Amino acid sequence: MDAWKAHARLILLAFFVSGLYATLSGCINPFAPRMDDSGQQNALITSQKSPDEVLQNFAYAYTFRDSLLYADLLDSGFVFEFFDPTIGESGAFESWGRDVELRTTGSLFRAFDAIELIWLNIIYQNTVSEKEEIQYRNFRLTLIGSDLSITLQGYAIFTFRLGTDGKWRIRRWVDETNL
């Protein structure tokens, strides 16, 4: 009987220690992408400590169709601008805000089975201030659906702004793909 009590105490202690470890270490989801606080480019999701880290998260959000991550990339005053060649005789620039951008991008994520976004070159870069930077980049976007595959290569001008939380976000995005 004493051996049984000792064994029961040992099992109880093991459960207690494993429960304590789980509580102190937090919940770990083996399927969740890891955060990058080291500044290395091999991590999936970054902490957005620079405009380049924002674009790394942008590509991840598109690839994995992660609308929550995508929403965190956009500043509260975000504006998207694009050229619409169907307006008038020679076309015109159109724009929308953050709310329309999130709905539109959510629809894009749902419409395709796979999305690949690759940032190519930085054409122009200007640090306006400690809290604002502009980048003119080219990219390749591949959209794959059940009956359709589209590859676009284009240009985008991004204005990034540093938030009070220490994260950089996109304040303005001018898509020059159709120009």
C-alpha atoms as a PDB file:
ATOM      1  CA  MET A   1       0.000   0.000   0.000  1.00  0.00           C
ATOM      2  CA  ASP A   2       2.904   2.379   0.740  1.00  0.00           C
ATOM      3  CA  ALA A   3       4.356   1.762  -2.711  1.00  0.00           C
ATOM      4  CA  TRP A   4       0.987   2.630  -4.253  1.00  0.00           C
ATOM      5  CA  LYS A   5       0.811   5.909  -2.262  1.00  0.00           C
ATOM      6  CA  ALA A   6       4.364   6.808  -3.302  1.00  0.00           C
ATOM      7  CA  HIS A   7       3.543   6.079  -6.936  1.00  0.00           C
ATOM      8  CA  ALA A   8       0.320   8.140  -6.729  1.00  0.00           C
ATOM      9  CA  ARG A   9       2.248  11.056  -5.176  1.00  0.00           C
ATOM     10  CA  LEU A  10       4.843  10.850  -7.935  1.00  0.00           C
ATOM     11  CA  ILE A  11       2.133  10.958 -10.630  1.00  0.00           C
ATOM     12  CA  LEU A  12       0.417  13.853  -8.848  1.00  0.00           C
ATOM     13  CA  LEU A  13       3.738  15.712  -8.614  1.00  0.00           C
ATOM     14  CA  ALA A  14       4.385  15.115 -12.322  1.00  0.00           C
ATOM     15  CA  PHE A  15       0.971  16.569 -13.229  1.00  0.00           C
ATOM     16  CA  PHE A  16       1.565  19.524 -10.932  1.00  0.00           C
ATOM     17  CA  VAL A  17       5.015  20.251 -12.403  1.00  0.00           C
ATOM     18  CA  SER A  18       3.798  19.911 -15.999  1.00  0.00           C
ATOM     19  CA  GLY A  19       0.801  22.153 -15.242  1.00  0.00           C
ATOM     20  CA  LEU A  20       3.059  24.714 -13.596  1.00  0.00           C
ATOM     21  CA  TYR A  21       5.421  24.611 -16.577  1.00  0.00           C
ATOM     22  CA  ALA A  22       2.542  25.094 -19.041  1.00  0.00           C
ATOM     23  CA  THR A  23       1.213  28.019 -17.006  1.00  0.00           C
ATOM     24  CA  LEU A  24       4.583  29.748 -16.671  1.00  0.00           C
ATOM     25  CA  SER A  25       5.680  29.207 -20.256  1.00  0.00           C
ATOM     26  CA  GLY A  26       2.363  30.312 -21.767  1.00  0.00           C
ATOM     27  CA  CYS A  27       0.418  28.491 -24.392  1.00  0.00           C
ATOM     28  CA  ILE A  28       2.467  27.406 -27.355  1.00  0.00           C
ATOM     29  CA  ASN A  29       0.795  26.825 -30.684  1.00  0.00           C
ATOM     30  CA  PRO A  30       3.131  24.733 -32.857  1.00  0.00           C
ATOM     31  CA  PHE A  31       1.193  25.826 -35.957  1.00  0.00           C
ATOM     32  CA  ALA A  32       1.489  29.572 -35.342  1.00  0.00           C
ATOM     33  CA  PRO A  33       4.270  31.415 -37.161  1.00  0.00           C
ATOM     34  CA  ARG A  34       6.959  32.763 -34.915  1.00  0.00           C
ATOM     35  CA  MET A  35       7.610  36.440 -34.308  1.00  0.00           C
ATOM     36  CA  ASP A  36      10.946  37.926 -35.231  1.00  0.00           C
ATOM     37  CA  ASP A  37      12.586  40.223 -32.706  1.00  0.00           C
ATOM     38  CA  SER A  38      16.103  39.559 -33.946  1.00  0.00           C
ATOM     39  CA  GLY A  39      15.950  41.557 -37.170  1.00  0.00           C
ATOM     40  CA  GLN A  40      16.840  38.490 -39.253  1.00  0.00           C
ATOM     41  CA  GLN A  41      15.139  38.100 -42.616  1.00  0.00           C
ATOM     42  CA  ASN A  42      14.441  34.368 -42.246  1.00  0.00           C
ATOM     43  CA  ALA A  43      11.559  34.707 -39.784  1.00  0.00           C
ATOM     44  CA  LEU A  44       8.036  34.705 -41.095  1.00  0.00           C
ATOM     45  CA  ILE A  45       6.283  37.458 -39.160  1.00  0.00           C
ATOM     46  CA  THR A  46       8.263  40.467 -38.024  1.00  0.00           C
ATOM     47  CA  SER A  47       7.568  43.063 -35.354  1.00  0.00           C
ATOM     48  CA  GLN A  48       7.459  45.825 -38.025  1.00  0.00           C
ATOM     49  CA  LYS A  49      10.432  47.762 -36.672  1.00  0.00           C
ATOM     50  CA  SER A  50      11.248  49.052 -40.181  1.00  0.00           C
ATOM     51  CA  PRO A  51       9.471  49.600 -43.509  1.00  0.00           C
ATOM     52  CA  ASP A  52      11.249  46.513 -44.893  1.00  0.00           C
ATOM     53  CA  GLU A  53       9.765  44.416 -42.079  1.00  0.00           C
ATOM     54  CA  VAL A  54       6.314  45.788 -42.953  1.00  0.00           C
ATOM     55  CA  LEU A  55       6.768  44.585 -46.539  1.00  0.00           C
ATOM     56  CA  GLN A  56       7.972  41.198 -45.297  1.00  0.00           C
ATOM     57  CA  ASN A  57       4.740  40.885 -43.303  1.00  0.00           C
ATOM     58  CA  PHE A  58       2.820  42.162 -46.347  1.00  0.00           C
ATOM     59  CA  ALA A  59       4.165  39.318 -48.505  1.00  0.00           C
ATOM     60  CA  TYR A  60       3.402  36.830 -45.716  1.00  0.00           C
ATOM     61  CA  ALA A  61      -0.160  38.158 -45.353  1.00  0.00           C
ATOM     62  CA  TYR A  62      -0.743  37.755 -49.093  1.00  0.00           C
ATOM     63  CA  THR A  63       0.875  34.314 -49.310  1.00  0.00           C
ATOM     64  CA  PHE A  64      -1.091  32.929 -46.377  1.00  0.00           C
ATOM     65  CA  ARG A  65      -4.157  35.113 -47.022  1.00  0.00           C
ATOM     66  CA  ASP A  66      -3.974  36.436 -43.463  1.00  0.00           C
ATOM     67  CA  SER A  67      -6.385  39.358 -43.252  1.00  0.00           C
ATOM     68  CA  LEU A  68      -5.681  40.041 -39.558  1.00  0.00           C
ATOM     69  CA  LEU A  69      -1.984  40.493 -40.187  1.00  0.00           C
ATOM     70  CA  TYR A  70      -2.758  42.571 -43.267  1.00  0.00           C
ATOM     71  CA  ALA A  71      -4.988  44.903 -41.223  1.00  0.00           C
ATOM     72  CA  ASP A  72      -2.096  45.573 -38.829  1.00  0.00           C
ATOM     73  CA  LEU A  73       0.074  46.737 -41.753  1.00  0.00           C
ATOM     74  CA  LEU A  74      -2.197  49.679 -42.550  1.00  0.00           C
ATOM     75  CA  ASP A  75      -2.123  53.005 -40.734  1.00  0.00           C
ATOM     76  CA  SER A  76      -5.469  54.311 -39.431  1.00  0.00           C
ATOM     77  CA  GLY A  77      -5.329  57.068 -42.094  1.00  0.00           C
ATOM     78  CA  PHE A  78      -4.367  54.676 -44.893  1.00  0.00           C
ATOM     79  CA  VAL A  79      -5.134  55.638 -48.506  1.00  0.00           C
ATOM     80  CA  PHE A  80      -4.813  53.379 -51.562  1.00  0.00           C
ATOM     81  CA  GLU A  81      -4.505  55.072 -54.974  1.00  0.00           C
ATOM     82  CA  PHE A  82      -4.597  53.442 -58.384  1.00  0.00           C
ATOM     83  CA  PHE A  83      -5.045  54.426 -61.995  1.00  0.00           C
ATOM     84  CA  ASP A  84      -8.328  53.359 -63.574  1.00  0.00           C
ATOM     85  CA  PRO A  85      -8.042  53.488 -67.393  1.00  0.00           C
ATOM     86  CA  THR A  86     -11.813  53.040 -67.793  1.00  0.00           C
ATOM     87  CA  ILE A  87     -12.659  56.461 -66.341  1.00  0.00           C
ATOM     88  CA  GLY A  88     -13.275  59.135 -68.966  1.00  0.00           C
ATOM     89  CA  GLU A  89     -11.375  59.197 -72.231  1.00  0.00           C
ATOM     90  CA  SER A  90      -7.870  58.834 -70.824  1.00  0.00           C
ATOM     91  CA  GLY A  91      -8.429  57.371 -67.353  1.00  0.00           C
ATOM     92  CA  ALA A  92      -7.989  58.881 -63.908  1.00  0.00           C
ATOM     93  CA  PHE A  93      -6.636  58.122 -60.457  1.00  0.00           C
ATOM     94  CA  GLU A  94      -9.068  56.674 -57.936  1.00  0.00           C
ATOM     95  CA  SER A  95      -8.537  56.182 -54.214  1.00  0.00           C
ATOM     96  CA  TRP A  96     -10.093  54.565 -51.173  1.00  0.00           C
ATOM     97  CA  GLY A  97      -9.445  54.356 -47.463  1.00  0.00           C
ATOM     98  CA  ARG A  98      -8.523  51.635 -45.018  1.00  0.00           C
ATOM     99  CA  ASP A  99     -12.011  50.139 -44.631  1.00  0.00           C
ATOM    100  CA  VAL A 100     -12.519  49.610 -48.371  1.00  0.00           C
ATOM    101  CA  GLU A 101      -8.953  48.306 -48.711  1.00  0.00           C
ATOM    102  CA  LEU A 102      -9.554  45.669 -46.037  1.00  0.00           C
ATOM    103  CA  ARG A 103     -12.808  44.525 -47.666  1.00  0.00           C
ATOM    104  CA  THR A 104     -11.226  44.461 -51.135  1.00  0.00           C
ATOM    105  CA  THR A 105      -8.160  42.555 -49.998  1.00  0.00           C
ATOM    106  CA  GLY A 106     -10.327  40.116 -48.022  1.00  0.00           C
ATOM    107  CA  SER A 107     -12.265  39.418 -51.220  1.00  0.00           C
ATOM    108  CA  LEU A 108      -8.987  38.897 -53.091  1.00  0.00           C
ATOM    109  CA  PHE A 109      -7.803  36.436 -50.438  1.00  0.00           C
ATOM    110  CA  ARG A 110     -11.047  34.439 -50.723  1.00  0.00           C
ATOM    111  CA  ALA A 111     -11.149  34.483 -54.532  1.00  0.00           C
ATOM    112  CA  PHE A 112      -7.845  32.684 -55.130  1.00  0.00           C
ATOM    113  CA  ASP A 113      -6.462  29.347 -54.006  1.00  0.00           C
ATOM    114  CA  ALA A 114      -2.867  30.563 -53.867  1.00  0.00           C
ATOM    115  CA  ILE A 115      -1.216  33.966 -53.882  1.00  0.00           C
ATOM    116  CA  GLU A 116       2.467  34.732 -54.178  1.00  0.00           C
ATOM    117  CA  LEU A 117       3.882  38.229 -53.750  1.00  0.00           C
ATOM    118  CA  ILE A 118       7.559  38.848 -54.357  1.00  0.00           C
ATOM    119  CA  TRP A 119       9.162  42.230 -53.758  1.00  0.00           C
ATOM    120  CA  LEU A 120      11.805  42.818 -56.392  1.00  0.00           C
ATOM    121  CA  ASN A 121      13.895  46.007 -56.366  1.00  0.00           C
ATOM    122  CA  ILE A 122      13.783  49.253 -54.495  1.00  0.00           C
ATOM    123  CA  ILE A 123      13.726  51.849 -57.281  1.00  0.00           C
ATOM    124  CA  TYR A 124      13.778  54.872 -54.981  1.00  0.00           C
ATOM    125  CA  GLN A 125      13.907  55.336 -51.232  1.00  0.00           C
ATOM    126  CA  ASN A 126      13.669  58.531 -49.182  1.00  0.00           C
ATOM    127  CA  THR A 127      13.724  58.920 -45.419  1.00  0.00           C
ATOM    128  CA  VAL A 128      11.537  61.989 -44.986  1.00  0.00           C
ATOM    129  CA  SER A 129      11.935  62.065 -41.202  1.00  0.00           C
ATOM    130  CA  GLU A 130      12.502  59.687 -38.294  1.00  0.00           C
ATOM    131  CA  LYS A 131       8.818  58.766 -38.534  1.00  0.00           C
ATOM    132  CA  GLU A 132       8.223  58.715 -42.295  1.00  0.00           C
ATOM    133  CA  GLU A 133       9.806  56.933 -45.232  1.00  0.00           C
ATOM    134  CA  ILE A 134       8.889  56.579 -48.904  1.00  0.00           C
ATOM    135  CA  GLN A 135       9.809  53.583 -51.065  1.00  0.00           C
ATOM    136  CA  TYR A 136       9.204  53.068 -54.766  1.00  0.00           C
ATOM    137  CA  ARG A 137       9.394  49.324 -55.453  1.00  0.00           C
ATOM    138  CA  ASN A 138       8.585  46.835 -58.122  1.00  0.00           C
ATOM    139  CA  PHE A 139       6.903  43.524 -57.425  1.00  0.00           C
ATOM    140  CA  ARG A 140       5.520  40.364 -58.963  1.00  0.00           C
ATOM    141  CA  LEU A 141       2.117  39.090 -57.868  1.00  0.00           C
ATOM    142  CA  THR A 142       0.838  35.665 -58.903  1.00  0.00           C
ATOM    143  CA  LEU A 143      -2.810  34.785 -58.307  1.00  0.00           C
ATOM    144  CA  ILE A 144      -3.867  31.170 -58.798  1.00  0.00           C
ATOM    145  CA  GLY A 145      -7.495  30.092 -58.863  1.00  0.00           C
ATOM    146  CA  SER A 146      -9.235  26.894 -59.879  1.00  0.00           C
ATOM    147  CA  ASP A 147      -9.758  28.089 -63.479  1.00  0.00           C
ATOM    148  CA  LEU A 148      -7.374  31.018 -63.678  1.00  0.00           C
ATOM    149  CA  SER A 149      -3.769  31.986 -63.110  1.00  0.00           C
ATOM    150  CA  ILE A 150      -2.642  35.609 -63.339  1.00  0.00           C
ATOM    151  CA  THR A 151       0.832  37.056 -62.924  1.00  0.00           C
ATOM    152  CA  LEU A 152       1.229  40.804 -62.622  1.00  0.00           C
ATOM    153  CA  GLN A 153       4.462  42.700 -62.470  1.00  0.00           C
ATOM    154  CA  GLY A 154       4.118  46.256 -61.344  1.00  0.00           C
ATOM    155  CA  TYR A 155       5.305  49.213 -59.313  1.00  0.00           C
ATOM    156  CA  ALA A 156       4.126  50.661 -56.034  1.00  0.00           C
ATOM    157  CA  ILE A 157       4.963  53.777 -54.072  1.00  0.00           C
ATOM    158  CA  PHE A 158       4.610  53.274 -50.322  1.00  0.00           C
ATOM    159  CA  THR A 159       4.643  55.943 -47.649  1.00  0.00           C
ATOM    160  CA  PHE A 160       5.392  54.389 -44.266  1.00  0.00           C
ATOM    161  CA  ARG A 161       4.755  56.012 -40.917  1.00  0.00           C
ATOM    162  CA  LEU A 162       6.068  55.058 -37.497  1.00  0.00           C
ATOM    163  CA  GLY A 163       3.240  54.676 -34.983  1.00  0.00           C
ATOM    164  CA  THR A 164       3.254  55.525 -31.302  1.00  0.00           C
ATOM    165  CA  ASP A 165       3.448  51.775 -30.570  1.00  0.00           C
ATOM    166  CA  GLY A 166       6.848  51.571 -32.307  1.00  0.00           C
ATOM    167  CA  LYS A 167       5.484  49.749 -35.366  1.00  0.00           C
ATOM    168  CA  TRP A 168       5.840  51.030 -38.913  1.00  0.00           C
ATOM    169  CA  ARG A 169       2.688  50.930 -41.036  1.00  0.00           C
ATOM    170  CA  ILE A 170       1.679  51.855 -44.568  1.00  0.00           C
ATOM    171  CA  ARG A 171       0.127  55.313 -44.669  1.00  0.00           C
ATOM    172  CA  ARG A 172      -0.255  55.546 -48.456  1.00  0.00           C
ATOM    173  CA  TRP A 173       0.043  53.070 -51.312  1.00  0.00           C
ATOM    174  CA  VAL A 174       0.039  54.244 -54.906  1.00  0.00           C
ATOM    175  CA  ASP A 175      -0.239  51.280 -57.272  1.00  0.00           C
ATOM    176  CA  GLU A 176       1.279  52.095 -60.647  1.00  0.00           C
ATOM    177  CA  THR A 177       0.735  48.653 -62.182  1.00  0.00           C
ATOM    178  CA  ASN A 178      -1.532  49.878 -64.983  1.00  0.00           C
ATOM    179  CA  LEU A 179       0.513  52.945 -65.939  1.00  0.00           C
END
